[in-house]
């Protein structure tokens, strides 16, 4: 009698294991179908197909994430490389970093410096912020004056050329 109960128990255990395996295989087949991959009819083969596909997708996502990160680093480096080191140093003293656009940086830094100057308690703090403001103003005026001077020189030489043509050709 005890032998019969053992065999019955093992038979029902085996039956239970089959239903679990079938449910697992049904999930595998559903995933494959959702991915557009046809089922081979063999659980081991289909499971291997699914795992291979999932591993390839994971590797592709990791590769794309790494490429995106490298692109962002390169763009960041290019942006800060186009801004002079002197400007970056002044901005660091204010407590900000460069966006790559001097006008935007200037406006933001000036706002911060003016606020700190207005709330400074000691004369040494006030002098520090006046100095920073002067550095900001000097840098911007030097760097924006050069293009303006170049444009003025172009206009001046163009006008002079026109005047010479008028005098020579009558």
Protein backbone atom coordinates (compact mmCIF):
# COMPACT_ATOMS: atom_id res chain seq x y z
CA UNK A 1 0.00 0.00 0.00
CA UNK A 2 2.76 2.41 0.76
CA UNK A 3 4.35 1.61 -2.56
CA UNK A 4 1.14 2.56 -4.36
CA UNK A 5 0.96 5.90 -2.58
CA UNK A 6 4.55 6.69 -3.51
CA UNK A 7 3.90 5.90 -7.16
CA UNK A 8 0.71 7.96 -7.11
CA UNK A 9 2.54 10.83 -5.51
CA UNK A 10 5.33 10.71 -8.04
CA UNK A 11 2.87 10.47 -10.89
CA UNK A 12 0.97 13.53 -9.72
CA UNK A 13 4.25 15.37 -9.12
CA UNK A 14 5.32 14.57 -12.64
CA UNK A 15 2.01 15.75 -13.98
CA UNK A 16 2.35 18.99 -12.03
CA UNK A 17 5.86 19.52 -13.42
CA UNK A 18 4.57 19.10 -16.96
CA UNK A 19 1.91 21.75 -16.50
CA UNK A 20 4.53 24.20 -15.19
CA UNK A 21 6.77 23.44 -18.16
CA UNK A 22 3.87 23.87 -20.55
CA UNK A 23 2.98 27.24 -19.01
CA UNK A 24 6.61 28.33 -19.30
CA UNK A 25 6.76 27.19 -22.92
CA UNK A 26 3.50 29.01 -23.67
CA UNK A 27 5.10 32.23 -22.31
CA UNK A 28 8.17 31.64 -24.47
CA UNK A 29 6.00 31.11 -27.56
CA UNK A 30 3.99 34.27 -26.83
CA UNK A 31 7.17 36.33 -26.46
CA UNK A 32 8.57 34.93 -29.69
CA UNK A 33 5.32 35.67 -31.52
CA UNK A 34 5.29 39.23 -30.16
CA UNK A 35 8.83 39.67 -31.50
CA UNK A 36 7.88 38.23 -34.89
CA UNK A 37 9.99 35.11 -34.42
CA UNK A 38 8.38 31.82 -35.38
CA UNK A 39 8.34 28.94 -32.92
CA UNK A 40 10.23 25.78 -33.83
CA UNK A 41 7.94 23.57 -31.74
CA UNK A 42 10.82 22.60 -29.45
CA UNK A 43 10.94 24.26 -26.05
CA UNK A 44 14.75 24.18 -25.71
CA UNK A 45 15.28 25.62 -29.19
CA UNK A 46 12.66 28.34 -28.69
CA UNK A 47 14.04 29.21 -25.26
CA UNK A 48 17.53 29.53 -26.78
CA UNK A 49 16.15 31.76 -29.58
CA UNK A 50 14.43 34.02 -27.05
CA UNK A 51 17.52 34.27 -24.82
CA UNK A 52 19.72 35.01 -27.83
CA UNK A 53 17.36 37.77 -28.98
CA UNK A 54 17.11 39.28 -25.48
CA UNK A 55 20.91 39.24 -25.09
CA UNK A 56 21.38 40.91 -28.48
CA UNK A 57 18.84 43.60 -27.56
CA UNK A 58 20.54 44.21 -24.23
CA UNK A 59 23.95 44.50 -25.92
CA UNK A 60 22.50 46.92 -28.51
CA UNK A 61 20.96 49.09 -25.79
CA UNK A 62 24.25 49.18 -23.87
CA UNK A 63 26.12 50.13 -27.04
CA UNK A 64 23.65 52.94 -27.81
CA UNK A 65 23.86 54.23 -24.24
CA UNK A 66 27.66 54.26 -24.41
CA UNK A 67 27.67 56.04 -27.79
CA UNK A 68 25.22 58.64 -26.51
CA UNK A 69 27.37 59.23 -23.44
CA UNK A 70 30.50 59.64 -25.58
CA UNK A 71 28.70 62.06 -27.91
CA UNK A 72 27.51 64.16 -24.97
CA UNK A 73 31.04 64.25 -23.53
CA UNK A 74 32.48 65.32 -26.89
CA UNK A 75 29.86 68.06 -27.30
CA UNK A 76 30.51 69.29 -23.78
CA UNK A 77 34.26 69.35 -24.37
CA UNK A 78 33.79 71.18 -27.68
CA UNK A 79 31.57 73.79 -26.03
CA UNK A 80 34.01 74.53 -23.25
CA UNK A 81 36.98 74.45 -25.65
CA UNK A 82 35.50 77.32 -27.67
CA UNK A 83 35.32 79.52 -24.55
CA UNK A 84 38.61 81.13 -23.47
CA UNK A 85 40.20 79.80 -20.27
CA UNK A 86 40.24 83.33 -18.81
CA UNK A 87 36.44 83.50 -19.14
CA UNK A 88 36.02 80.08 -17.54
CA UNK A 89 38.21 81.21 -14.62
CA UNK A 90 36.13 84.35 -14.07
CA UNK A 91 32.91 82.34 -14.19
CA UNK A 92 34.33 79.81 -11.73
CA UNK A 93 34.98 82.67 -9.30
CA UNK A 94 31.31 83.64 -9.64
CA UNK A 95 30.31 80.02 -9.07
CA UNK A 96 28.96 79.03 -12.48
CA UNK A 97 30.30 77.19 -15.51
CA UNK A 98 30.21 78.31 -19.12
CA UNK A 99 27.32 77.45 -21.42
CA UNK A 100 29.48 78.20 -24.45
CA UNK A 101 27.66 81.48 -25.13
CA UNK A 102 29.53 84.44 -23.63
CA UNK A 103 26.51 86.76 -23.68
CA UNK A 104 24.34 84.25 -21.79
CA UNK A 105 27.16 83.56 -19.33
CA UNK A 106 27.74 87.28 -18.83
CA UNK A 107 24.09 88.02 -18.07
CA UNK A 108 23.83 85.16 -15.60
CA UNK A 109 27.15 85.98 -13.89
CA UNK A 110 26.37 89.69 -13.73
CA UNK A 111 23.03 88.97 -12.10
CA UNK A 112 24.69 86.80 -9.46
CA UNK A 113 27.49 89.30 -8.79
CA UNK A 114 25.09 92.23 -8.49
CA UNK A 115 22.91 90.29 -6.06
CA UNK A 116 25.93 89.34 -3.94
CA UNK A 117 27.21 92.91 -4.05
CA UNK A 118 23.87 94.22 -2.84
CA UNK A 119 23.78 91.77 0.07
CA UNK A 120 27.48 91.91 1.02
CA UNK A 121 28.00 92.72 4.70
CA UNK A 122 31.69 93.63 4.82
CA UNK A 123 33.69 96.09 2.79
CA UNK A 124 36.08 93.32 1.70
CA UNK A 125 33.16 91.30 0.30
CA UNK A 126 31.87 94.37 -1.52
CA UNK A 127 35.32 94.97 -3.01
CA UNK A 128 35.55 91.31 -4.07
CA UNK A 129 32.24 91.53 -5.97
CA UNK A 130 33.13 94.91 -7.51
CA UNK A 131 36.34 93.35 -8.75
CA UNK A 132 34.46 90.39 -10.23
CA UNK A 133 32.01 92.76 -11.93
CA UNK A 134 34.93 94.74 -13.37
CA UNK A 135 36.54 91.53 -14.64
CA UNK A 136 33.27 90.46 -16.28
CA UNK A 137 32.81 93.87 -17.89
CA UNK A 138 36.41 94.09 -19.04
CA UNK A 139 36.40 90.62 -20.60
CA UNK A 140 33.13 91.17 -22.44
CA UNK A 141 34.09 94.63 -23.67
CA UNK A 142 37.47 93.35 -24.93
CA UNK A 143 35.95 90.36 -26.67
CA UNK A 144 33.01 92.19 -28.17
CA UNK A 145 35.05 95.29 -29.05
CA UNK A 146 37.40 93.34 -31.31
CA UNK A 147 34.66 92.23 -33.72
CA UNK A 148 33.11 95.70 -33.62
CA UNK A 149 36.49 97.31 -34.41
CA UNK A 150 37.01 94.86 -37.25
CA UNK A 151 33.59 95.72 -38.68
CA UNK A 152 34.35 99.45 -38.37
CA UNK A 153 37.67 98.94 -40.16
CA UNK A 154 35.89 97.08 -42.97
CA UNK A 155 33.34 99.85 -43.34
CA UNK A 156 36.09 102.49 -43.22
CA UNK A 157 38.21 100.80 -45.86
CA UNK A 158 35.15 100.21 -48.02
CA UNK A 159 34.20 103.88 -47.79
CA UNK A 160 37.76 104.91 -48.58
CA UNK A 161 37.80 102.64 -51.61
CA UNK A 162 34.53 104.12 -52.83
CA UNK A 163 35.89 107.65 -52.37
CA UNK A 164 39.08 106.77 -54.31
CA UNK A 165 37.02 105.36 -57.17
CA UNK A 166 34.91 108.49 -57.26
CA UNK A 167 37.98 110.76 -57.37
CA UNK A 168 39.85 108.70 -59.93
CA UNK A 169 36.99 107.90 -62.25
CA UNK A 170 35.24 111.20 -61.83
